[in-house]
Amino acid sequence: MKEIVLSTGKPQAVNSTTALAPFPQPATSMAIVPTTIDETALIAARFAKSALVPTEMRGKEGDVFFTIMYGLELGLPPASSMRAISIVKGKPFLDAATSHALCLRHPECEYFRRVPDKCERGKQATFEAKRAGYVDSVTFTMDDAKAAGLIKDGGGWTKYPDRMLEARARMALARIMFPEKLAGVYCPEEASDFGDAVPPPASAFERPAASDVIDVGAEAEPNDSAKNLANEPSPIDVAAAELTERIRNTDDLRELSKLAGECKEIKEQSADYGETLLKVYKEQRDFLAKAEQAQ
């Protein structure tokens, strides 16, 4: 038995085959992070039997194992990996909200945000980020989508144009500003770009830094991997990013009102996130109200 300090700050005894890595927010939250191949396989076997994993992965321990390993390379614990990573035609894709959260948790990220003044519903989306003093932005337009042959009758671009535009701009900027973390990572909205080709994994572009590598042979004690994961998105980071996207893609005032409670719940955990979400909520509410009046 070894002693490990959990997020409560108190030493506790744990079995040497299971390591618990602390997450910074909320203080009582913990993620179970495997440190050996056998531990990863055990988690994969348990997950594969769960009704909470995606239908296409149930009973497929190998697929679940790969998804967990792919997530660990990005700094995501197993449960978050199963939620955030989608398999499209046998290829892994990371959802845009989680990619955004990974960027926000990077120590050099000063901000990574949507630029409302440069966004136009159904026409274009712009995201801007600042890293260590350097600022860059990406705008993706419907004209870009048409030129790339992305718009199909009945497809996502006709049903959810704002969501598709924002996902494209956000992911492109993430790969530009944080290539060591997200180079080669794509979201499901970009899956059509590849057809039957396999998009290159992140590791094909950049060799991970030593602090990013999970030591599969190490004993279960505080190590660089656990410390690195502690700097990655916490549940509140991911929840805030996802709720922001849901608010912006809601086109009905009644449906939007149902999200007000979730904004308040997040505000109780993080005042900064809460204020940002309420601002986004009010902007969307005002936009929809004006749209209804114009009809």
C-alpha atoms as a PDB file:
ATOM      1  CA  MET A   1       0.000   0.000   0.000  1.00  0.00           C
ATOM      2  CA  LYS A   2       1.217   3.479  -0.823  1.00  0.00           C
ATOM      3  CA  GLU A   3       0.159   6.927   0.312  1.00  0.00           C
ATOM      4  CA  ILE A   4      -1.162   9.469  -2.180  1.00  0.00           C
ATOM      5  CA  VAL A   5      -2.477  12.988  -1.652  1.00  0.00           C
ATOM      6  CA  LEU A   6      -5.948  13.428  -3.145  1.00  0.00           C
ATOM      7  CA  SER A   7      -7.777  16.646  -3.953  1.00  0.00           C
ATOM      8  CA  THR A   8      -8.859  16.927  -0.324  1.00  0.00           C
ATOM      9  CA  GLY A   9      -5.208  17.557   0.567  1.00  0.00           C
ATOM     10  CA  LYS A  10      -5.148  14.660   3.057  1.00  0.00           C
ATOM     11  CA  PRO A  11      -2.919  11.586   2.572  1.00  0.00           C
ATOM     12  CA  GLN A  12      -4.925   8.412   2.014  1.00  0.00           C
ATOM     13  CA  ALA A  13      -3.896   4.820   1.450  1.00  0.00           C
ATOM     14  CA  VAL A  14      -4.558   3.341  -1.985  1.00  0.00           C
ATOM     15  CA  ASN A  15      -3.787   0.038  -3.616  1.00  0.00           C
ATOM     16  CA  SER A  16      -0.631   0.126  -5.771  1.00  0.00           C
ATOM     17  CA  THR A  17      -2.622  -0.924  -8.844  1.00  0.00           C
ATOM     18  CA  THR A  18      -4.989   2.040  -8.804  1.00  0.00           C
ATOM     19  CA  ALA A  19      -4.009   5.705  -8.992  1.00  0.00           C
ATOM     20  CA  LEU A  20      -6.348   8.600  -8.349  1.00  0.00           C
ATOM     21  CA  ALA A  21      -5.331  11.864  -9.988  1.00  0.00           C
ATOM     22  CA  PRO A  22      -6.643  15.112  -8.467  1.00  0.00           C
ATOM     23  CA  PHE A  23      -8.616  17.662 -10.437  1.00  0.00           C
ATOM     24  CA  PRO A  24      -8.507  21.321  -9.385  1.00  0.00           C
ATOM     25  CA  GLN A  25     -12.260  22.111  -9.662  1.00  0.00           C
ATOM     26  CA  PRO A  26     -14.403  21.358  -7.871  1.00  0.00           C
ATOM     27  CA  ALA A  27     -12.230  20.561  -4.867  1.00  0.00           C
ATOM     28  CA  THR A  28     -14.043  17.311  -4.064  1.00  0.00           C
ATOM     29  CA  SER A  29     -13.954  15.922  -7.618  1.00  0.00           C
ATOM     30  CA  MET A  30     -11.567  13.114  -8.600  1.00  0.00           C
ATOM     31  CA  ALA A  31     -10.892  11.243 -11.816  1.00  0.00           C
ATOM     32  CA  ILE A  32      -9.636   7.671 -11.894  1.00  0.00           C
ATOM     33  CA  VAL A  33      -6.584   7.683 -14.184  1.00  0.00           C
ATOM     34  CA  PRO A  34      -4.881   4.406 -15.164  1.00  0.00           C
ATOM     35  CA  THR A  35      -1.089   4.283 -15.038  1.00  0.00           C
ATOM     36  CA  THR A  36      -0.519   0.799 -16.518  1.00  0.00           C
ATOM     37  CA  ILE A  37      -1.760  -1.175 -19.518  1.00  0.00           C
ATOM     38  CA  ASP A  38      -3.514  -3.636 -17.196  1.00  0.00           C
ATOM     39  CA  GLU A  39      -5.345  -0.848 -15.377  1.00  0.00           C
ATOM     40  CA  THR A  40      -6.470   0.638 -18.683  1.00  0.00           C
ATOM     41  CA  ALA A  41      -7.681  -2.762 -19.868  1.00  0.00           C
ATOM     42  CA  LEU A  42      -9.634  -3.257 -16.633  1.00  0.00           C
ATOM     43  CA  ILE A  43     -11.379   0.100 -17.004  1.00  0.00           C
ATOM     44  CA  ALA A  44     -12.100  -0.635 -20.678  1.00  0.00           C
ATOM     45  CA  ALA A  45     -13.676  -3.971 -19.739  1.00  0.00           C
ATOM     46  CA  ARG A  46     -15.913  -2.309 -17.141  1.00  0.00           C
ATOM     47  CA  PHE A  47     -16.913   0.519 -19.485  1.00  0.00           C
ATOM     48  CA  ALA A  48     -17.701  -1.885 -22.338  1.00  0.00           C
ATOM     49  CA  LYS A  49     -20.385  -3.501 -20.164  1.00  0.00           C
ATOM     50  CA  SER A  50     -22.012  -0.186 -19.272  1.00  0.00           C
ATOM     51  CA  ALA A  51     -25.233   1.069 -20.833  1.00  0.00           C
ATOM     52  CA  LEU A  52     -23.863   4.620 -20.484  1.00  0.00           C
ATOM     53  CA  VAL A  53     -21.181   4.287 -23.171  1.00  0.00           C
ATOM     54  CA  PRO A  54     -22.050   4.960 -26.842  1.00  0.00           C
ATOM     55  CA  THR A  55     -24.087   2.148 -28.365  1.00  0.00           C
ATOM     56  CA  GLU A  56     -21.478   1.367 -31.010  1.00  0.00           C
ATOM     57  CA  MET A  57     -18.869   0.669 -28.301  1.00  0.00           C
ATOM     58  CA  ARG A  58     -20.872  -1.581 -26.008  1.00  0.00           C
ATOM     59  CA  GLY A  59     -19.224  -4.967 -25.682  1.00  0.00           C
ATOM     60  CA  LYS A  60     -16.169  -3.821 -27.664  1.00  0.00           C
ATOM     61  CA  GLU A  61     -13.353  -3.676 -25.135  1.00  0.00           C
ATOM     62  CA  GLY A  62     -10.727  -3.004 -27.811  1.00  0.00           C
ATOM     63  CA  ASP A  63     -12.536   0.069 -29.103  1.00  0.00           C
ATOM     64  CA  VAL A  64     -13.096   1.372 -25.581  1.00  0.00           C
ATOM     65  CA  PHE A  65      -9.428   0.724 -24.745  1.00  0.00           C
ATOM     66  CA  PHE A  66      -8.280   2.719 -27.781  1.00  0.00           C
ATOM     67  CA  THR A  67     -10.657   5.580 -26.961  1.00  0.00           C
ATOM     68  CA  ILE A  68      -9.303   5.790 -23.409  1.00  0.00           C
ATOM     69  CA  MET A  69      -5.692   5.737 -24.624  1.00  0.00           C
ATOM     70  CA  TYR A  70      -6.412   8.388 -27.258  1.00  0.00           C
ATOM     71  CA  GLY A  71      -7.984  10.561 -24.589  1.00  0.00           C
ATOM     72  CA  LEU A  72      -5.024  10.128 -22.244  1.00  0.00           C
ATOM     73  CA  GLU A  73      -2.709  11.441 -24.974  1.00  0.00           C
ATOM     74  CA  LEU A  74      -4.808  14.606 -25.014  1.00  0.00           C
ATOM     75  CA  GLY A  75      -4.937  14.834 -21.218  1.00  0.00           C
ATOM     76  CA  LEU A  76      -8.494  13.544 -20.704  1.00  0.00           C
ATOM     77  CA  PRO A  77      -9.391  10.995 -18.021  1.00  0.00           C
ATOM     78  CA  PRO A  78     -11.252   7.831 -19.139  1.00  0.00           C
ATOM     79  CA  ALA A  79     -14.856   8.867 -18.437  1.00  0.00           C
ATOM     80  CA  SER A  80     -14.396  12.229 -20.179  1.00  0.00           C
ATOM     81  CA  SER A  81     -12.809  10.460 -23.150  1.00  0.00           C
ATOM     82  CA  MET A  82     -15.855   8.227 -23.589  1.00  0.00           C
ATOM     83  CA  ARG A  83     -18.119  11.274 -23.601  1.00  0.00           C
ATOM     84  CA  ALA A  84     -16.003  13.602 -25.743  1.00  0.00           C
ATOM     85  CA  ILE A  85     -14.505  11.258 -28.360  1.00  0.00           C
ATOM     86  CA  SER A  86     -16.726  10.041 -31.193  1.00  0.00           C
ATOM     87  CA  ILE A  87     -15.946   7.261 -33.631  1.00  0.00           C
ATOM     88  CA  VAL A  88     -17.024   8.198 -37.160  1.00  0.00           C
ATOM     89  CA  LYS A  89     -16.454   5.496 -39.784  1.00  0.00           C
ATOM     90  CA  GLY A  90     -13.864   3.915 -37.534  1.00  0.00           C
ATOM     91  CA  LYS A  91     -11.957   7.154 -36.913  1.00  0.00           C
ATOM     92  CA  PRO A  92     -11.710   9.135 -33.644  1.00  0.00           C
ATOM     93  CA  PHE A  93     -12.932  12.726 -33.437  1.00  0.00           C
ATOM     94  CA  LEU A  94     -12.970  15.068 -30.431  1.00  0.00           C
ATOM     95  CA  ASP A  95     -15.972  17.331 -29.899  1.00  0.00           C
ATOM     96  CA  ALA A  96     -15.347  21.050 -30.368  1.00  0.00           C
ATOM     97  CA  ALA A  97     -16.452  22.007 -26.845  1.00  0.00           C
ATOM     98  CA  THR A  98     -13.848  19.746 -25.232  1.00  0.00           C
ATOM     99  CA  SER A  99     -11.141  20.991 -27.592  1.00  0.00           C
ATOM    100  CA  HIS A 100     -12.074  24.534 -26.560  1.00  0.00           C
ATOM    101  CA  ALA A 101     -11.847  23.542 -22.888  1.00  0.00           C
ATOM    102  CA  LEU A 102      -8.393  21.996 -23.428  1.00  0.00           C
ATOM    103  CA  CYS A 103      -7.185  25.294 -24.885  1.00  0.00           C
ATOM    104  CA  LEU A 104      -8.646  27.312 -22.007  1.00  0.00           C
ATOM    105  CA  ARG A 105      -6.785  25.132 -19.495  1.00  0.00           C
ATOM    106  CA  HIS A 106      -3.429  25.610 -21.226  1.00  0.00           C
ATOM    107  CA  PRO A 107      -1.138  27.652 -18.924  1.00  0.00           C
ATOM    108  CA  GLU A 108      -0.263  30.108 -21.712  1.00  0.00           C
ATOM    109  CA  CYS A 109      -3.861  30.698 -22.833  1.00  0.00           C
ATOM    110  CA  GLU A 110      -4.969  34.219 -21.909  1.00  0.00           C
ATOM    111  CA  TYR A 111      -8.322  33.813 -23.632  1.00  0.00           C
ATOM    112  CA  PHE A 112     -10.058  31.802 -26.335  1.00  0.00           C
ATOM    113  CA  ARG A 113     -13.428  33.213 -27.241  1.00  0.00           C
ATOM    114  CA  ARG A 114     -16.150  33.791 -29.794  1.00  0.00           C
ATOM    115  CA  VAL A 115     -16.188  37.311 -31.260  1.00  0.00           C
ATOM    116  CA  PRO A 116     -19.869  38.362 -31.322  1.00  0.00           C
ATOM    117  CA  ASP A 117     -19.243  41.501 -33.420  1.00  0.00           C
ATOM    118  CA  LYS A 118     -17.756  39.351 -36.178  1.00  0.00           C
ATOM    119  CA  CYS A 119     -20.370  36.586 -36.043  1.00  0.00           C
ATOM    120  CA  GLU A 120     -23.520  36.647 -38.158  1.00  0.00           C
ATOM    121  CA  ARG A 121     -26.180  34.000 -37.676  1.00  0.00           C
ATOM    122  CA  GLY A 122     -26.243  31.535 -40.521  1.00  0.00           C
ATOM    123  CA  LYS A 123     -23.449  33.343 -42.366  1.00  0.00           C
ATOM    124  CA  GLN A 124     -20.155  33.340 -40.458  1.00  0.00           C
ATOM    125  CA  ALA A 125     -18.458  32.678 -37.123  1.00  0.00           C
ATOM    126  CA  THR A 126     -15.226  34.103 -35.707  1.00  0.00           C
ATOM    127  CA  PHE A 127     -13.125  32.938 -32.778  1.00  0.00           C
ATOM    128  CA  GLU A 128     -10.110  34.736 -31.336  1.00  0.00           C
ATOM    129  CA  ALA A 129      -7.409  33.522 -28.954  1.00  0.00           C
ATOM    130  CA  LYS A 130      -4.431  34.999 -27.166  1.00  0.00           C
ATOM    131  CA  ARG A 131      -1.477  32.883 -26.110  1.00  0.00           C
ATOM    132  CA  ALA A 132       1.527  34.325 -24.304  1.00  0.00           C
ATOM    133  CA  GLY A 133       0.881  37.746 -25.835  1.00  0.00           C
ATOM    134  CA  TYR A 134       0.238  36.503 -29.389  1.00  0.00           C
ATOM    135  CA  VAL A 135      -3.264  37.056 -30.792  1.00  0.00           C
ATOM    136  CA  ASP A 136      -4.840  35.317 -33.782  1.00  0.00           C
ATOM    137  CA  SER A 137      -8.366  34.688 -35.040  1.00  0.00           C
ATOM    138  CA  VAL A 138     -10.191  32.474 -37.515  1.00  0.00           C
ATOM    139  CA  THR A 139     -13.395  33.230 -39.411  1.00  0.00           C
ATOM    140  CA  PHE A 140     -15.361  30.541 -41.218  1.00  0.00           C
ATOM    141  CA  THR A 141     -18.188  31.541 -43.556  1.00  0.00           C
ATOM    142  CA  MET A 142     -20.985  29.844 -45.436  1.00  0.00           C
ATOM    143  CA  ASP A 143     -19.156  30.804 -48.614  1.00  0.00           C
ATOM    144  CA  ASP A 144     -16.175  28.785 -47.328  1.00  0.00           C
ATOM    145  CA  ALA A 145     -18.488  25.845 -46.699  1.00  0.00           C
ATOM    146  CA  LYS A 146     -20.000  26.108 -50.195  1.00  0.00           C
ATOM    147  CA  ALA A 147     -16.562  26.347 -51.809  1.00  0.00           C
ATOM    148  CA  ALA A 148     -15.510  23.191 -49.959  1.00  0.00           C
ATOM    149  CA  GLY A 149     -18.640  21.344 -51.062  1.00  0.00           C
ATOM    150  CA  LEU A 150     -19.796  20.825 -47.482  1.00  0.00           C
ATOM    151  CA  ILE A 151     -23.435  21.870 -47.847  1.00  0.00           C
ATOM    152  CA  LYS A 152     -25.787  18.997 -48.665  1.00  0.00           C
ATOM    153  CA  ASP A 153     -29.589  18.919 -48.692  1.00  0.00           C
ATOM    154  CA  GLY A 154     -30.831  17.752 -45.306  1.00  0.00           C
ATOM    155  CA  GLY A 155     -27.317  17.773 -43.827  1.00  0.00           C
ATOM    156  CA  GLY A 156     -25.951  19.508 -40.737  1.00  0.00           C
ATOM    157  CA  TRP A 157     -25.083  22.644 -42.660  1.00  0.00           C
ATOM    158  CA  THR A 158     -28.727  23.219 -43.583  1.00  0.00           C
ATOM    159  CA  LYS A 159     -30.144  22.149 -40.202  1.00  0.00           C
ATOM    160  CA  TYR A 160     -27.598  23.679 -37.795  1.00  0.00           C
ATOM    161  CA  PRO A 161     -25.527  26.241 -39.731  1.00  0.00           C
ATOM    162  CA  ASP A 162     -24.398  28.226 -36.669  1.00  0.00           C
ATOM    163  CA  ARG A 163     -23.188  25.120 -34.854  1.00  0.00           C
ATOM    164  CA  MET A 164     -21.251  23.965 -37.914  1.00  0.00           C
ATOM    165  CA  LEU A 165     -19.712  27.396 -38.528  1.00  0.00           C
ATOM    166  CA  GLU A 166     -18.609  27.771 -34.914  1.00  0.00           C
ATOM    167  CA  ALA A 167     -17.169  24.261 -34.763  1.00  0.00           C
ATOM    168  CA  ARG A 168     -15.083  24.892 -37.891  1.00  0.00           C
ATOM    169  CA  ALA A 169     -13.728  28.260 -36.743  1.00  0.00           C
ATOM    170  CA  ARG A 170     -13.069  27.053 -33.209  1.00  0.00           C
ATOM    171  CA  MET A 171     -11.219  23.880 -34.223  1.00  0.00           C
ATOM    172  CA  ALA A 172      -9.105  25.631 -36.868  1.00  0.00           C
ATOM    173  CA  LEU A 173      -8.005  28.253 -34.339  1.00  0.00           C
ATOM    174  CA  ALA A 174      -7.284  25.607 -31.696  1.00  0.00           C
ATOM    175  CA  ARG A 175      -4.926  23.786 -34.062  1.00  0.00           C
ATOM    176  CA  ILE A 176      -3.165  27.042 -34.988  1.00  0.00           C
ATOM    177  CA  MET A 177      -2.710  28.369 -31.456  1.00  0.00           C
ATOM    178  CA  PHE A 178      -2.122  25.109 -29.555  1.00  0.00           C
ATOM    179  CA  PRO A 179      -0.543  22.705 -32.077  1.00  0.00           C
ATOM    180  CA  GLU A 180       1.368  20.723 -29.432  1.00  0.00           C
ATOM    181  CA  LYS A 181      -1.966  19.815 -27.851  1.00  0.00           C
ATOM    182  CA  LEU A 182      -4.429  19.676 -30.751  1.00  0.00           C
ATOM    183  CA  ALA A 183      -2.461  19.279 -34.004  1.00  0.00           C
ATOM    184  CA  GLY A 184      -4.172  16.546 -35.992  1.00  0.00           C
ATOM    185  CA  VAL A 185      -7.292  16.594 -33.800  1.00  0.00           C
ATOM    186  CA  TYR A 186     -10.612  17.090 -35.583  1.00  0.00           C
ATOM    187  CA  CYS A 187     -14.239  17.347 -34.469  1.00  0.00           C
ATOM    188  CA  PRO A 188     -17.210  15.320 -35.829  1.00  0.00           C
ATOM    189  CA  GLU A 189     -18.389  18.353 -37.818  1.00  0.00           C
ATOM    190  CA  GLU A 190     -15.171  18.041 -39.860  1.00  0.00           C
ATOM    191  CA  ALA A 191     -15.509  14.313 -40.515  1.00  0.00           C
ATOM    192  CA  SER A 192     -16.817  14.848 -44.040  1.00  0.00           C
ATOM    193  CA  ASP A 193     -13.485  16.417 -45.026  1.00  0.00           C
ATOM    194  CA  PHE A 194     -11.752  13.066 -45.012  1.00  0.00           C
ATOM    195  CA  GLY A 195     -14.149  10.763 -46.820  1.00  0.00           C
ATOM    196  CA  ASP A 196     -12.603   7.323 -46.412  1.00  0.00           C
ATOM    197  CA  ALA A 197      -9.162   8.709 -45.528  1.00  0.00           C
ATOM    198  CA  VAL A 198      -7.883   8.429 -41.982  1.00  0.00           C
ATOM    199  CA  PRO A 199      -7.133  11.807 -40.359  1.00  0.00           C
ATOM    200  CA  PRO A 200      -3.657  11.779 -38.808  1.00  0.00           C
ATOM    201  CA  PRO A 201      -3.583  11.429 -35.002  1.00  0.00           C
ATOM    202  CA  ALA A 202      -2.109  14.202 -32.895  1.00  0.00           C
ATOM    203  CA  SER A 203       1.000  12.144 -32.167  1.00  0.00           C
ATOM    204  CA  ALA A 204       1.839  12.054 -35.896  1.00  0.00           C
ATOM    205  CA  PHE A 205       2.556  15.782 -35.824  1.00  0.00           C
ATOM    206  CA  GLU A 206       4.143  16.364 -32.446  1.00  0.00           C
ATOM    207  CA  ARG A 207       5.967  14.062 -30.091  1.00  0.00           C
ATOM    208  CA  PRO A 208       4.389  14.631 -26.650  1.00  0.00           C
ATOM    209  CA  ALA A 209       6.454  16.428 -24.052  1.00  0.00           C
ATOM    210  CA  ALA A 210       7.693  14.245 -21.212  1.00  0.00           C
ATOM    211  CA  SER A 211       5.062  15.727 -18.905  1.00  0.00           C
ATOM    212  CA  ASP A 212       2.292  14.692 -21.317  1.00  0.00           C
ATOM    213  CA  VAL A 213       3.259  11.007 -21.528  1.00  0.00           C
ATOM    214  CA  ILE A 214       1.487   8.462 -19.338  1.00  0.00           C
ATOM    215  CA  ASP A 215       4.079   6.161 -17.786  1.00  0.00           C
ATOM    216  CA  VAL A 216       2.427   2.770 -18.178  1.00  0.00           C
ATOM    217  CA  GLY A 217       5.026   1.066 -16.029  1.00  0.00           C
ATOM    218  CA  ALA A 218       5.077   3.424 -13.081  1.00  0.00           C
ATOM    219  CA  GLU A 219       3.768   2.580  -9.649  1.00  0.00           C
ATOM    220  CA  ALA A 220       0.628   4.326  -8.448  1.00  0.00           C
ATOM    221  CA  GLU A 221       2.041   7.400  -6.791  1.00  0.00           C
ATOM    222  CA  PRO A 222       1.946  11.116  -7.648  1.00  0.00           C
ATOM    223  CA  ASN A 223       3.838  11.507 -10.921  1.00  0.00           C
ATOM    224  CA  ASP A 224       4.229  13.947 -13.799  1.00  0.00           C
ATOM    225  CA  SER A 225       1.265  12.389 -15.612  1.00  0.00           C
ATOM    226  CA  ALA A 226      -1.059  12.998 -12.694  1.00  0.00           C
ATOM    227  CA  LYS A 227       0.196  16.563 -12.308  1.00  0.00           C
ATOM    228  CA  ASN A 228      -0.289  17.214 -16.019  1.00  0.00           C
ATOM    229  CA  LEU A 229      -3.835  15.844 -15.944  1.00  0.00           C
ATOM    230  CA  ALA A 230      -4.575  18.094 -12.978  1.00  0.00           C
ATOM    231  CA  ASN A 231      -4.061  21.063 -15.337  1.00  0.00           C
ATOM    232  CA  GLU A 232      -6.501  19.725 -17.930  1.00  0.00           C
ATOM    233  CA  PRO A 233     -10.225  20.505 -18.185  1.00  0.00           C
ATOM    234  CA  SER A 234     -12.215  19.949 -15.022  1.00  0.00           C
ATOM    235  CA  PRO A 235     -15.883  18.938 -15.214  1.00  0.00           C
ATOM    236  CA  ILE A 236     -16.927  22.577 -14.738  1.00  0.00           C
ATOM    237  CA  ASP A 237     -14.701  23.667 -17.675  1.00  0.00           C
ATOM    238  CA  VAL A 238     -16.302  21.159 -20.013  1.00  0.00           C
ATOM    239  CA  ALA A 239     -19.843  21.791 -18.710  1.00  0.00           C
ATOM    240  CA  ALA A 240     -19.491  25.557 -19.219  1.00  0.00           C
ATOM    241  CA  ALA A 241     -18.155  25.149 -22.764  1.00  0.00           C
ATOM    242  CA  GLU A 242     -20.945  22.722 -23.686  1.00  0.00           C
ATOM    243  CA  LEU A 243     -23.692  24.912 -22.193  1.00  0.00           C
ATOM    244  CA  THR A 244     -22.342  27.945 -24.064  1.00  0.00           C
ATOM    245  CA  GLU A 245     -22.641  26.038 -27.333  1.00  0.00           C
ATOM    246  CA  ARG A 246     -26.163  24.847 -26.523  1.00  0.00           C
ATOM    247  CA  ILE A 247     -27.314  28.388 -25.716  1.00  0.00           C
ATOM    248  CA  ARG A 248     -25.946  29.791 -28.960  1.00  0.00           C
ATOM    249  CA  ASN A 249     -27.542  27.042 -31.025  1.00  0.00           C
ATOM    250  CA  THR A 250     -31.001  27.376 -29.459  1.00  0.00           C
ATOM    251  CA  ASP A 251     -33.472  29.062 -31.813  1.00  0.00           C
ATOM    252  CA  ASP A 252     -36.592  28.997 -29.617  1.00  0.00           C
ATOM    253  CA  LEU A 253     -37.250  31.232 -26.611  1.00  0.00           C
ATOM    254  CA  ARG A 254     -39.104  28.505 -24.715  1.00  0.00           C
ATOM    255  CA  GLU A 255     -36.249  26.073 -25.167  1.00  0.00           C
ATOM    256  CA  LEU A 256     -33.767  28.769 -24.198  1.00  0.00           C
ATOM    257  CA  SER A 257     -35.599  29.494 -20.935  1.00  0.00           C
ATOM    258  CA  LYS A 258     -35.025  25.880 -19.887  1.00  0.00           C
ATOM    259  CA  LEU A 259     -31.268  26.528 -19.876  1.00  0.00           C
ATOM    260  CA  ALA A 260     -31.439  29.408 -17.383  1.00  0.00           C
ATOM    261  CA  GLY A 261     -31.404  26.989 -14.450  1.00  0.00           C
ATOM    262  CA  GLU A 262     -28.244  25.298 -15.721  1.00  0.00           C
ATOM    263  CA  CYS A 263     -26.534  28.694 -15.987  1.00  0.00           C
ATOM    264  CA  LYS A 264     -27.350  29.399 -12.350  1.00  0.00           C
ATOM    265  CA  GLU A 265     -26.076  25.972 -11.282  1.00  0.00           C
ATOM    266  CA  ILE A 266     -22.718  26.624 -12.944  1.00  0.00           C
ATOM    267  CA  LYS A 267     -22.587  30.112 -11.413  1.00  0.00           C
ATOM    268  CA  GLU A 268     -22.847  28.496  -7.972  1.00  0.00           C
ATOM    269  CA  GLN A 269     -19.661  26.535  -8.757  1.00  0.00           C
ATOM    270  CA  SER A 270     -17.800  29.270 -10.642  1.00  0.00           C
ATOM    271  CA  ALA A 271     -18.779  32.935 -10.511  1.00  0.00           C
ATOM    272  CA  ASP A 272     -16.639  33.772 -13.573  1.00  0.00           C
ATOM    273  CA  TYR A 273     -18.190  31.058 -15.736  1.00  0.00           C
ATOM    274  CA  GLY A 274     -21.636  31.946 -14.405  1.00  0.00           C
ATOM    275  CA  GLU A 275     -21.344  35.606 -15.369  1.00  0.00           C
ATOM    276  CA  THR A 276     -20.094  34.706 -18.856  1.00  0.00           C
ATOM    277  CA  LEU A 277     -22.906  32.209 -19.408  1.00  0.00           C
ATOM    278  CA  LEU A 278     -25.581  34.635 -18.229  1.00  0.00           C
ATOM    279  CA  LYS A 279     -24.212  37.262 -20.626  1.00  0.00           C
ATOM    280  CA  VAL A 280     -24.353  34.794 -23.527  1.00  0.00           C
ATOM    281  CA  TYR A 281     -27.854  33.750 -22.411  1.00  0.00           C
ATOM    282  CA  LYS A 282     -29.120  37.348 -22.382  1.00  0.00           C
ATOM    283  CA  GLU A 283     -27.593  38.061 -25.804  1.00  0.00           C
ATOM    284  CA  GLN A 284     -29.321  35.014 -27.299  1.00  0.00           C
ATOM    285  CA  ARG A 285     -32.601  35.836 -25.551  1.00  0.00           C
ATOM    286  CA  ASP A 286     -32.572  39.407 -26.897  1.00  0.00           C
ATOM    287  CA  PHE A 287     -31.731  38.176 -30.396  1.00  0.00           C
ATOM    288  CA  LEU A 288     -34.578  35.660 -30.411  1.00  0.00           C
ATOM    289  CA  ALA A 289     -37.019  38.198 -28.969  1.00  0.00           C
ATOM    290  CA  LYS A 290     -36.219  40.672 -31.742  1.00  0.00           C
ATOM    291  CA  ALA A 291     -36.547  37.929 -34.341  1.00  0.00           C
ATOM    292  CA  GLU A 292     -40.022  37.042 -33.064  1.00  0.00           C
ATOM    293  CA  GLN A 293     -41.118  40.683 -33.090  1.00  0.00           C
ATOM    294  CA  ALA A 294     -39.938  41.057 -36.688  1.00  0.00           C
ATOM    295  CA  GLN A 295     -42.125  38.166 -37.824  1.00  0.00           C
END
